[in-house]
Amino acid sequence: MNTLVASVGEKGQNHTLDVLRVQTLLKSKGFNPGRVDGVCSSNLLAAIRKLQSTFHPNPSGLIEPGSTTWVRLYDSSHGMAEWSGDSADWSQEKKIKSLDPQLRPKVSSVLEKLKKRGFSPQIFYGWRSVAIQLQLYSSGRSKVKFSFHNAQKPDGTPNSYAADIIDSRFAWSQQAELSGFWKALGQEARSQGLIWGGDWSSFRDVAHVQLWPNSHLNQVKLESGL
């Protein structure tokens, strides 16, 4: 059965059969719910939150019928295994694929134009998981717990509205600035109608380009089911 009758977890209705279903699925995916006995325990709540923390900035400990958490837990057909691991290590082709369809051609054009200028551009981050975002936030490398990089489709597959572009020779070193790469990136991003992080924020954001203004972030978060 691919649906829950009612909610399971923190302040859920926790019907025995539903709890058994959730416990079994969590255990099969490597999240330890404690005893598989149909009883909502502290171990089960911890396991639900651990699952949610891989894609949600604020784990609730509750799984409701039809929710993003339930889809992530039950439905393996959407191929989330393809998108596992640290997305900084993915191939350039895969990083492009992780972008929203409207952003892909714009970023590809920026990369081509930078190459023609003699740079060696590459995407460092396209999409990245909320778990990675929270690590960046905790380390002080980001000021937000959710960004345009974390946008996803309702089934959980990547749909990033942002990309971080660097020169592969320089990354964020001083040489990137001295070579004129950041200035060139800003110019080419604007030529595609993109918003460049270097126009508004700290040195860390000079690699960042995004499709929508920051005022759209909450809407993107809602559309992502987060």
Protein backbone atom coordinates (compact mmCIF):
# COMPACT_ATOMS: atom_id res chain seq x y z
CA MET A 1 0.00 0.00 0.00
CA ASN A 2 1.55 3.29 -1.11
CA THR A 3 -0.40 5.67 1.11
CA LEU A 4 -0.78 6.39 4.79
CA VAL A 5 -4.22 6.43 6.35
CA ALA A 6 -3.19 9.17 8.75
CA SER A 7 -0.19 11.06 10.09
CA VAL A 8 2.75 9.39 11.84
CA GLY A 9 5.25 10.93 14.23
CA GLU A 10 5.27 14.05 16.39
CA LYS A 11 1.65 14.83 17.37
CA GLY A 12 0.46 12.44 14.66
CA GLN A 13 -2.50 10.07 14.84
CA ASN A 14 -0.07 7.14 14.82
CA HIS A 15 -2.35 4.30 13.84
CA THR A 16 -0.59 1.01 14.42
CA LEU A 17 -0.48 -0.12 10.77
CA ASP A 18 0.72 3.29 9.59
CA VAL A 19 3.48 3.34 12.20
CA LEU A 20 4.54 -0.18 11.19
CA ARG A 21 4.70 0.91 7.55
CA VAL A 22 6.85 3.93 8.38
CA GLN A 23 9.13 1.95 10.72
CA THR A 24 9.70 -0.72 8.07
CA LEU A 25 10.51 1.80 5.35
CA LEU A 26 12.83 3.83 7.57
CA LYS A 27 14.73 0.71 8.57
CA SER A 28 15.05 -0.40 4.92
CA LYS A 29 16.64 2.96 4.06
CA GLY A 30 19.14 2.91 6.90
CA PHE A 31 17.31 5.14 9.40
CA ASN A 32 17.00 3.27 12.69
CA PRO A 33 13.44 3.62 14.09
CA GLY A 34 14.03 1.26 17.01
CA ARG A 35 11.73 -1.71 17.35
CA VAL A 36 9.36 -2.30 14.42
CA ASP A 37 6.31 -2.75 16.61
CA GLY A 38 3.73 -0.20 15.49
CA VAL A 39 4.40 2.06 18.47
CA CYS A 40 5.49 5.67 17.98
CA SER A 41 8.64 5.98 20.09
CA SER A 42 11.37 8.54 20.61
CA ASN A 43 13.58 6.43 18.34
CA LEU A 44 11.00 6.65 15.58
CA LEU A 45 10.73 10.43 15.95
CA ALA A 46 14.51 10.73 15.80
CA ALA A 47 14.63 8.59 12.66
CA ILE A 48 11.96 10.69 10.95
CA ARG A 49 13.84 13.89 11.79
CA LYS A 50 17.09 12.39 10.55
CA LEU A 51 15.43 11.56 7.23
CA GLN A 52 13.89 15.03 6.98
CA SER A 53 17.20 16.72 7.79
CA THR A 54 18.60 15.41 4.49
CA PHE A 55 16.26 17.69 2.55
CA HIS A 56 14.44 20.03 4.96
CA PRO A 57 15.90 22.91 7.01
CA ASN A 58 13.38 22.42 9.84
CA PRO A 59 12.61 18.73 10.47
CA SER A 60 9.19 18.39 12.09
CA GLY A 61 9.29 14.73 13.08
CA LEU A 62 5.87 14.31 11.43
CA ILE A 63 4.94 12.41 8.26
CA GLU A 64 1.57 13.19 6.74
CA PRO A 65 -0.17 11.38 3.87
CA GLY A 66 0.96 12.79 0.52
CA SER A 67 3.67 14.97 2.09
CA THR A 68 7.17 15.46 0.70
CA THR A 69 8.54 13.31 3.53
CA TRP A 70 6.23 10.46 2.63
CA VAL A 71 7.14 10.70 -1.06
CA ARG A 72 10.83 10.65 -0.16
CA LEU A 73 10.36 7.70 2.16
CA TYR A 74 8.12 5.54 -0.02
CA ASP A 75 8.69 6.40 -3.66
CA SER A 76 12.06 5.28 -5.02
CA SER A 77 10.91 5.56 -8.64
CA HIS A 78 11.94 9.21 -9.02
CA GLY A 79 15.62 8.23 -8.94
CA MET A 80 16.88 10.25 -5.99
CA ALA A 81 19.89 7.94 -5.77
CA GLU A 82 21.19 9.73 -8.86
CA TRP A 83 21.34 12.96 -6.88
CA SER A 84 23.05 11.68 -3.75
CA GLY A 85 26.43 12.76 -2.39
CA ASP A 86 28.07 16.17 -2.34
CA SER A 87 26.91 17.91 -5.50
CA ALA A 88 30.18 19.88 -5.65
CA ASP A 89 31.76 16.62 -6.82
CA TRP A 90 29.31 15.99 -9.67
CA SER A 91 30.31 16.30 -13.32
CA GLN A 92 29.68 19.59 -15.13
CA GLU A 93 27.00 17.86 -17.22
CA LYS A 94 25.21 16.67 -14.10
CA LYS A 95 25.43 20.10 -12.49
CA ILE A 96 23.84 21.66 -15.57
CA LYS A 97 21.11 19.01 -15.44
CA SER A 98 20.38 19.94 -11.81
CA LEU A 99 19.42 23.50 -12.82
CA ASP A 100 15.92 24.75 -13.56
CA PRO A 101 15.21 24.45 -17.31
CA GLN A 102 15.01 28.25 -17.62
CA LEU A 103 18.43 28.66 -16.00
CA ARG A 104 20.32 25.97 -17.92
CA PRO A 105 20.72 27.79 -21.27
CA LYS A 106 21.60 31.05 -19.54
CA VAL A 107 24.35 29.47 -17.46
CA SER A 108 25.62 27.54 -20.50
CA SER A 109 25.84 30.81 -22.42
CA VAL A 110 27.72 32.50 -19.57
CA LEU A 111 30.23 29.63 -19.52
CA GLU A 112 30.79 29.81 -23.28
CA LYS A 113 31.30 33.56 -23.27
CA LEU A 114 33.76 33.35 -20.39
CA LYS A 115 35.72 30.70 -22.28
CA LYS A 116 35.90 33.02 -25.29
CA ARG A 117 37.41 35.65 -22.99
CA GLY A 118 40.22 33.25 -22.15
CA PHE A 119 38.95 32.05 -18.76
CA SER A 120 38.44 28.47 -17.58
CA PRO A 121 34.94 28.64 -16.10
CA GLN A 122 33.18 25.78 -14.39
CA ILE A 123 30.16 25.32 -12.17
CA PHE A 124 31.17 24.66 -8.58
CA TYR A 125 27.61 24.27 -7.30
CA GLY A 126 24.41 23.96 -9.26
CA TRP A 127 21.84 22.33 -7.02
CA ARG A 128 22.84 21.37 -3.50
CA SER A 129 20.86 19.61 -0.80
CA VAL A 130 19.42 21.33 2.24
CA ALA A 131 21.77 19.18 4.35
CA ILE A 132 24.79 20.70 2.57
CA GLN A 133 23.22 24.15 2.85
CA LEU A 134 22.91 23.72 6.61
CA GLN A 135 26.56 22.68 6.81
CA LEU A 136 27.54 25.87 4.97
CA TYR A 137 25.32 27.89 7.29
CA SER A 138 26.80 26.28 10.41
CA SER A 139 30.35 26.95 9.20
CA GLY A 140 29.57 30.60 8.45
CA ARG A 141 29.96 30.16 4.68
CA SER A 142 26.31 31.05 4.09
CA LYS A 143 23.95 33.41 5.87
CA VAL A 144 20.78 31.45 5.02
CA LYS A 145 19.42 28.00 5.78
CA PHE A 146 17.62 27.81 2.44
CA SER A 147 18.80 29.27 -0.86
CA PHE A 148 17.91 29.19 -4.54
CA HIS A 149 20.47 26.38 -4.85
CA ASN A 150 18.17 24.14 -2.76
CA ALA A 151 15.07 24.48 -4.97
CA GLN A 152 13.55 21.16 -5.97
CA LYS A 153 10.53 19.67 -7.67
CA PRO A 154 7.70 18.26 -5.53
CA ASP A 155 9.17 14.76 -5.93
CA GLY A 156 12.47 15.96 -4.46
CA THR A 157 14.56 16.03 -7.64
CA PRO A 158 16.87 19.05 -8.14
CA ASN A 159 15.59 22.24 -9.74
CA SER A 160 18.16 24.86 -8.75
CA TYR A 161 17.53 28.51 -9.56
CA ALA A 162 21.18 29.39 -8.90
CA ALA A 163 24.72 28.38 -9.80
CA ASP A 164 28.17 29.18 -8.44
CA ILE A 165 30.66 29.70 -11.26
CA ILE A 166 34.41 29.87 -10.74
CA ASP A 167 37.56 29.83 -12.85
CA SER A 168 38.92 26.32 -12.29
CA ARG A 169 42.47 27.70 -12.06
CA PHE A 170 41.75 30.21 -9.31
CA ALA A 171 38.56 29.23 -7.42
CA TRP A 172 38.06 31.96 -4.78
CA SER A 173 41.74 32.95 -4.53
CA GLN A 174 42.94 36.51 -5.00
CA GLN A 175 44.09 35.62 -8.49
CA ALA A 176 40.46 35.33 -9.60
CA GLU A 177 39.96 39.00 -8.76
CA LEU A 178 43.29 40.07 -10.26
CA SER A 179 42.58 38.22 -13.50
CA GLY A 180 39.28 40.07 -13.93
CA PHE A 181 37.25 36.88 -13.73
CA TRP A 182 34.66 38.10 -11.22
CA LYS A 183 34.06 41.31 -13.17
CA ALA A 184 33.66 39.32 -16.38
CA LEU A 185 31.28 36.88 -14.67
CA GLY A 186 29.11 39.77 -13.50
CA GLN A 187 29.00 41.26 -16.98
CA GLU A 188 28.08 38.01 -18.68
CA ALA A 189 25.50 37.10 -16.03
CA ARG A 190 23.77 40.46 -16.47
CA SER A 191 23.81 40.04 -20.25
CA GLN A 192 21.67 36.92 -19.74
CA GLY A 193 19.28 38.69 -17.39
CA LEU A 194 20.70 36.90 -14.37
CA ILE A 195 21.35 38.40 -10.95
CA TRP A 196 24.99 38.37 -9.84
CA GLY A 197 25.85 37.92 -6.17
CA GLY A 198 28.81 40.26 -6.44
CA ASP A 199 26.40 43.19 -6.84
CA TRP A 200 24.92 42.82 -3.40
CA SER A 201 26.98 40.83 -0.99
CA SER A 202 30.25 39.59 0.38
CA PHE A 203 33.29 38.21 -1.38
CA ARG A 204 31.95 34.67 -1.02
CA ASP A 205 28.97 35.50 -3.26
CA VAL A 206 30.97 36.76 -6.26
CA ALA A 207 30.67 33.29 -7.84
CA HIS A 208 26.89 33.26 -7.45
CA VAL A 209 24.33 33.86 -10.21
CA GLN A 210 20.59 33.33 -9.88
CA LEU A 211 17.46 33.45 -12.00
CA TRP A 212 15.11 35.31 -9.68
CA PRO A 213 15.49 38.24 -7.24
CA ASN A 214 15.80 37.45 -3.55
CA SER A 215 12.18 38.49 -3.00
CA HIS A 216 11.15 35.24 -4.74
CA LEU A 217 12.97 32.98 -2.28
CA ASN A 218 10.03 32.25 0.03
CA GLN A 219 7.84 31.34 -2.95
CA VAL A 220 10.52 29.00 -4.27
CA LYS A 221 10.73 27.38 -0.85
CA LEU A 222 6.97 26.78 -0.82
CA GLU A 223 7.03 25.37 -4.36
CA SER A 224 9.82 23.02 -3.26
CA GLY A 225 7.59 21.60 -0.52
CA LEU A 226 9.90 22.88 2.21
